[in-house]
Amino acid sequence: MGKDLNEITQLMHRFVSAKGWYKPDSIHPQTPKNIAISLVLEASEVLEHFQWEKPTLDKDSLGSELADVALYLVQLAQLCDIDLEEVILKKLDQNYTREW
């Protein structure tokens, strides 16, 4: 694979544009609010994989849900003009100084 976060963001934008979801009259407006809601909904679908302590984990299905979460996350960061890579690295540095 070998794509970095910026390349993934561009691929996500290409997909959303191809679907016409950035158009002003889209039935799926790509606003920060709508994307944040979608992010949480997809994260909830991740939880379904662990809801009943299933004996086997469907890695393909879980991976698909994790990918949905990641795509909404990078899109939300982009729409809000946040450099996700930069803030992730900053947060990791901050976490080293935190006590839990």
N, C-alpha and C. Protein backbone atom coordinates (compact mmCIF):
# COMPACT_ATOMS: atom_id res chain seq x y z
N MET A 1 0.82 -1.19 0.00
CA MET A 1 0.00 0.00 0.00
C MET A 1 0.87 1.25 0.00
N GLY A 2 1.47 1.60 1.14
CA GLY A 2 2.45 2.65 1.19
C GLY A 2 1.95 4.07 1.00
N LYS A 3 0.72 4.36 1.34
CA LYS A 3 0.20 5.72 1.21
C LYS A 3 0.36 6.45 2.54
N ASP A 4 0.71 7.74 2.46
CA ASP A 4 0.76 8.52 3.69
C ASP A 4 -0.59 9.20 3.91
N LEU A 5 -0.72 9.87 5.04
CA LEU A 5 -2.00 10.46 5.42
C LEU A 5 -2.49 11.49 4.41
N ASN A 6 -1.58 12.28 3.86
CA ASN A 6 -1.97 13.28 2.86
C ASN A 6 -2.50 12.62 1.59
N GLU A 7 -1.85 11.53 1.17
CA GLU A 7 -2.32 10.82 -0.03
C GLU A 7 -3.69 10.18 0.22
N ILE A 8 -3.88 9.63 1.39
CA ILE A 8 -5.18 9.03 1.74
C ILE A 8 -6.25 10.11 1.74
N THR A 9 -5.93 11.28 2.28
CA THR A 9 -6.89 12.39 2.30
C THR A 9 -7.28 12.77 0.87
N GLN A 10 -6.31 12.86 -0.02
CA GLN A 10 -6.61 13.22 -1.41
C GLN A 10 -7.45 12.15 -2.10
N LEU A 11 -7.15 10.88 -1.83
CA LEU A 11 -7.96 9.80 -2.40
C LEU A 11 -9.40 9.85 -1.88
N MET A 12 -9.56 10.18 -0.60
CA MET A 12 -10.89 10.31 -0.02
C MET A 12 -11.64 11.46 -0.69
N HIS A 13 -10.96 12.59 -0.90
CA HIS A 13 -11.62 13.73 -1.56
C HIS A 13 -12.01 13.38 -3.00
N ARG A 14 -11.17 12.63 -3.68
CA ARG A 14 -11.48 12.22 -5.04
C ARG A 14 -12.75 11.37 -5.06
N PHE A 15 -12.87 10.45 -4.11
CA PHE A 15 -14.06 9.61 -4.01
C PHE A 15 -15.31 10.45 -3.73
N VAL A 16 -15.23 11.32 -2.72
CA VAL A 16 -16.39 12.14 -2.35
C VAL A 16 -16.80 13.04 -3.52
N SER A 17 -15.83 13.59 -4.21
CA SER A 17 -16.12 14.43 -5.38
C SER A 17 -16.77 13.61 -6.49
N ALA A 18 -16.27 12.41 -6.71
CA ALA A 18 -16.83 11.55 -7.76
C ALA A 18 -18.29 11.21 -7.47
N LYS A 19 -18.65 11.11 -6.21
CA LYS A 19 -20.04 10.83 -5.83
C LYS A 19 -20.90 12.08 -5.89
N GLY A 20 -20.29 13.25 -6.06
CA GLY A 20 -21.03 14.51 -6.13
C GLY A 20 -21.45 15.05 -4.77
N TRP A 21 -20.84 14.55 -3.72
CA TRP A 21 -21.27 14.93 -2.37
C TRP A 21 -20.75 16.29 -1.92
N TYR A 22 -19.84 16.89 -2.68
CA TYR A 22 -19.38 18.25 -2.36
C TYR A 22 -20.24 19.31 -3.05
N LYS A 23 -21.12 18.90 -3.92
CA LYS A 23 -21.97 19.85 -4.63
C LYS A 23 -22.96 20.48 -3.65
N PRO A 24 -23.28 21.77 -3.87
CA PRO A 24 -24.18 22.48 -2.95
C PRO A 24 -25.56 21.81 -2.79
N ASP A 25 -26.02 21.13 -3.83
CA ASP A 25 -27.35 20.51 -3.78
C ASP A 25 -27.29 19.02 -3.42
N SER A 26 -26.18 18.57 -2.90
CA SER A 26 -26.01 17.16 -2.56
C SER A 26 -26.99 16.73 -1.47
N ILE A 27 -27.48 15.49 -1.60
CA ILE A 27 -28.34 14.95 -0.55
C ILE A 27 -27.51 14.48 0.64
N HIS A 28 -26.19 14.49 0.48
CA HIS A 28 -25.25 14.13 1.54
C HIS A 28 -24.27 15.30 1.76
N PRO A 29 -24.75 16.43 2.29
CA PRO A 29 -23.85 17.58 2.45
C PRO A 29 -22.66 17.24 3.34
N GLN A 30 -21.49 17.60 2.87
CA GLN A 30 -20.25 17.26 3.56
C GLN A 30 -19.83 18.39 4.50
N THR A 31 -20.69 18.66 5.47
CA THR A 31 -20.40 19.70 6.45
C THR A 31 -19.64 19.08 7.63
N PRO A 32 -18.88 19.87 8.37
CA PRO A 32 -18.21 19.31 9.54
C PRO A 32 -19.18 18.60 10.50
N LYS A 33 -20.34 19.18 10.73
CA LYS A 33 -21.32 18.55 11.62
C LYS A 33 -21.75 17.18 11.09
N ASN A 34 -22.08 17.10 9.82
CA ASN A 34 -22.53 15.83 9.24
C ASN A 34 -21.42 14.78 9.25
N ILE A 35 -20.21 15.21 8.99
CA ILE A 35 -19.09 14.26 8.98
C ILE A 35 -18.79 13.80 10.40
N ALA A 36 -18.89 14.70 11.39
CA ALA A 36 -18.67 14.30 12.79
C ALA A 36 -19.72 13.28 13.22
N ILE A 37 -20.96 13.48 12.83
CA ILE A 37 -22.02 12.52 13.14
C ILE A 37 -21.71 11.17 12.49
N SER A 38 -21.32 11.21 11.23
CA SER A 38 -21.00 9.97 10.51
C SER A 38 -19.81 9.25 11.15
N LEU A 39 -18.84 10.01 11.62
CA LEU A 39 -17.68 9.43 12.29
C LEU A 39 -18.11 8.65 13.54
N VAL A 40 -18.99 9.23 14.34
CA VAL A 40 -19.45 8.57 15.56
C VAL A 40 -20.30 7.35 15.22
N LEU A 41 -21.14 7.46 14.20
CA LEU A 41 -21.96 6.32 13.79
C LEU A 41 -21.08 5.15 13.34
N GLU A 42 -20.05 5.44 12.57
CA GLU A 42 -19.15 4.39 12.12
C GLU A 42 -18.36 3.80 13.29
N ALA A 43 -17.95 4.65 14.24
CA ALA A 43 -17.25 4.15 15.43
C ALA A 43 -18.15 3.20 16.22
N SER A 44 -19.44 3.49 16.24
CA SER A 44 -20.38 2.59 16.91
C SER A 44 -20.44 1.24 16.22
N GLU A 45 -20.30 1.23 14.92
CA GLU A 45 -20.29 -0.03 14.18
C GLU A 45 -19.05 -0.86 14.52
N VAL A 46 -17.96 -0.19 14.89
CA VAL A 46 -16.77 -0.91 15.36
C VAL A 46 -17.14 -1.66 16.64
N LEU A 47 -17.87 -1.01 17.53
CA LEU A 47 -18.26 -1.63 18.80
C LEU A 47 -19.10 -2.89 18.61
N GLU A 48 -19.87 -2.93 17.55
CA GLU A 48 -20.70 -4.12 17.31
C GLU A 48 -19.86 -5.39 17.23
N HIS A 49 -18.65 -5.27 16.80
CA HIS A 49 -17.77 -6.44 16.67
C HIS A 49 -17.36 -7.01 18.03
N PHE A 50 -17.56 -6.25 19.08
CA PHE A 50 -17.15 -6.68 20.41
C PHE A 50 -18.34 -6.77 21.38
N GLN A 51 -19.54 -6.53 20.86
CA GLN A 51 -20.73 -6.40 21.71
C GLN A 51 -21.03 -7.64 22.53
N TRP A 52 -20.94 -8.80 21.95
CA TRP A 52 -21.38 -10.02 22.64
C TRP A 52 -20.26 -11.01 22.86
N GLU A 53 -19.03 -10.53 22.91
CA GLU A 53 -17.90 -11.42 23.17
C GLU A 53 -17.93 -12.62 22.21
N LYS A 54 -18.04 -12.31 20.94
CA LYS A 54 -18.08 -13.36 19.92
C LYS A 54 -16.79 -14.18 19.95
N PRO A 55 -16.91 -15.47 19.75
CA PRO A 55 -15.71 -16.32 19.84
C PRO A 55 -14.69 -16.07 18.73
N THR A 56 -15.14 -15.61 17.58
CA THR A 56 -14.19 -15.32 16.49
C THR A 56 -14.40 -13.88 16.02
N LEU A 57 -13.31 -13.25 15.67
CA LEU A 57 -13.34 -11.88 15.21
C LEU A 57 -13.26 -11.87 13.69
N ASP A 58 -14.22 -11.21 13.06
CA ASP A 58 -14.21 -11.07 11.61
C ASP A 58 -13.32 -9.88 11.25
N LYS A 59 -12.04 -10.16 11.01
CA LYS A 59 -11.07 -9.09 10.79
C LYS A 59 -11.37 -8.28 9.54
N ASP A 60 -11.88 -8.91 8.50
CA ASP A 60 -12.20 -8.17 7.27
C ASP A 60 -13.31 -7.15 7.53
N SER A 61 -14.35 -7.58 8.21
CA SER A 61 -15.47 -6.68 8.51
C SER A 61 -15.04 -5.58 9.47
N LEU A 62 -14.30 -5.95 10.52
CA LEU A 62 -13.81 -4.95 11.47
C LEU A 62 -12.88 -3.97 10.75
N GLY A 63 -12.01 -4.47 9.91
CA GLY A 63 -11.11 -3.60 9.15
C GLY A 63 -11.86 -2.61 8.29
N SER A 64 -12.94 -3.07 7.69
CA SER A 64 -13.77 -2.19 6.86
C SER A 64 -14.37 -1.06 7.70
N GLU A 65 -14.84 -1.39 8.88
CA GLU A 65 -15.40 -0.36 9.77
C GLU A 65 -14.32 0.60 10.25
N LEU A 66 -13.15 0.09 10.58
CA LEU A 66 -12.05 0.95 10.98
C LEU A 66 -11.65 1.90 9.85
N ALA A 67 -11.69 1.39 8.63
CA ALA A 67 -11.38 2.24 7.47
C ALA A 67 -12.42 3.35 7.32
N ASP A 68 -13.69 3.03 7.54
CA ASP A 68 -14.74 4.07 7.48
C ASP A 68 -14.46 5.16 8.52
N VAL A 69 -14.11 4.75 9.74
CA VAL A 69 -13.81 5.71 10.80
C VAL A 69 -12.62 6.59 10.37
N ALA A 70 -11.58 5.97 9.87
CA ALA A 70 -10.39 6.71 9.47
C ALA A 70 -10.70 7.70 8.35
N LEU A 71 -11.49 7.28 7.38
CA LEU A 71 -11.83 8.18 6.27
C LEU A 71 -12.65 9.38 6.73
N TYR A 72 -13.63 9.15 7.61
CA TYR A 72 -14.38 10.28 8.14
C TYR A 72 -13.49 11.19 8.98
N LEU A 73 -12.56 10.60 9.71
CA LEU A 73 -11.65 11.39 10.54
C LEU A 73 -10.78 12.30 9.68
N VAL A 74 -10.18 11.76 8.63
CA VAL A 74 -9.32 12.60 7.79
C VAL A 74 -10.14 13.65 7.06
N GLN A 75 -11.38 13.30 6.68
CA GLN A 75 -12.22 14.29 6.00
C GLN A 75 -12.61 15.41 6.96
N LEU A 76 -12.98 15.07 8.19
CA LEU A 76 -13.35 16.09 9.16
C LEU A 76 -12.17 17.02 9.44
N ALA A 77 -11.00 16.45 9.61
CA ALA A 77 -9.81 17.28 9.83
C ALA A 77 -9.59 18.23 8.66
N GLN A 78 -9.72 17.72 7.46
CA GLN A 78 -9.51 18.54 6.26
C GLN A 78 -10.56 19.65 6.17
N LEU A 79 -11.82 19.32 6.41
CA LEU A 79 -12.88 20.32 6.34
C LEU A 79 -12.71 21.42 7.38
N CYS A 80 -12.11 21.07 8.52
CA CYS A 80 -11.89 22.04 9.60
C CYS A 80 -10.52 22.68 9.54
N ASP A 81 -9.78 22.41 8.45
CA ASP A 81 -8.45 22.98 8.23
C ASP A 81 -7.49 22.63 9.38
N ILE A 82 -7.49 21.36 9.74
CA ILE A 82 -6.61 20.85 10.79
C ILE A 82 -5.63 19.87 10.15
N ASP A 83 -4.35 20.07 10.40
CA ASP A 83 -3.33 19.15 9.92
C ASP A 83 -3.31 17.96 10.87
N LEU A 84 -4.01 16.91 10.49
CA LEU A 84 -4.20 15.76 11.37
C LEU A 84 -2.88 15.12 11.76
N GLU A 85 -1.99 14.99 10.82
CA GLU A 85 -0.69 14.39 11.12
C GLU A 85 0.05 15.21 12.19
N GLU A 86 0.03 16.53 12.03
CA GLU A 86 0.71 17.41 12.99
C GLU A 86 0.09 17.31 14.38
N VAL A 87 -1.25 17.34 14.46
CA VAL A 87 -1.88 17.31 15.79
C VAL A 87 -1.76 15.94 16.45
N ILE A 88 -1.70 14.88 15.66
CA ILE A 88 -1.49 13.54 16.22
C ILE A 88 -0.10 13.47 16.85
N LEU A 89 0.91 13.94 16.14
CA LEU A 89 2.27 13.91 16.66
C LEU A 89 2.40 14.79 17.91
N LYS A 90 1.75 15.94 17.88
CA LYS A 90 1.78 16.84 19.05
C LYS A 90 1.10 16.17 20.24
N LYS A 91 -0.03 15.52 20.00
CA LYS A 91 -0.76 14.85 21.08
C LYS A 91 0.07 13.70 21.66
N LEU A 92 0.75 12.95 20.82
CA LEU A 92 1.61 11.88 21.32
C LEU A 92 2.69 12.44 22.24
N ASP A 93 3.31 13.55 21.83
CA ASP A 93 4.32 14.18 22.68
C ASP A 93 3.73 14.63 24.01
N GLN A 94 2.55 15.23 23.98
CA GLN A 94 1.87 15.68 25.21
C GLN A 94 1.56 14.49 26.12
N ASN A 95 1.16 13.39 25.52
CA ASN A 95 0.78 12.22 26.32
C ASN A 95 1.94 11.66 27.13
N TYR A 96 3.15 11.83 26.64
CA TYR A 96 4.32 11.36 27.40
C TYR A 96 4.45 12.09 28.74
N THR A 97 3.92 13.31 28.81
CA THR A 97 4.05 14.08 30.05
C THR A 97 2.84 13.95 30.97
N ARG A 98 1.83 13.23 30.52
CA ARG A 98 0.60 13.08 31.32
C ARG A 98 0.72 11.92 32.29
N GLU A 99 -0.01 12.02 33.37
CA GLU A 99 -0.12 10.95 34.34
C GLU A 99 -1.54 10.40 34.28
N TRP A 100 -1.64 9.09 34.26
CA TRP A 100 -2.97 8.45 34.27
C TRP A 100 -3.14 7.67 35.54
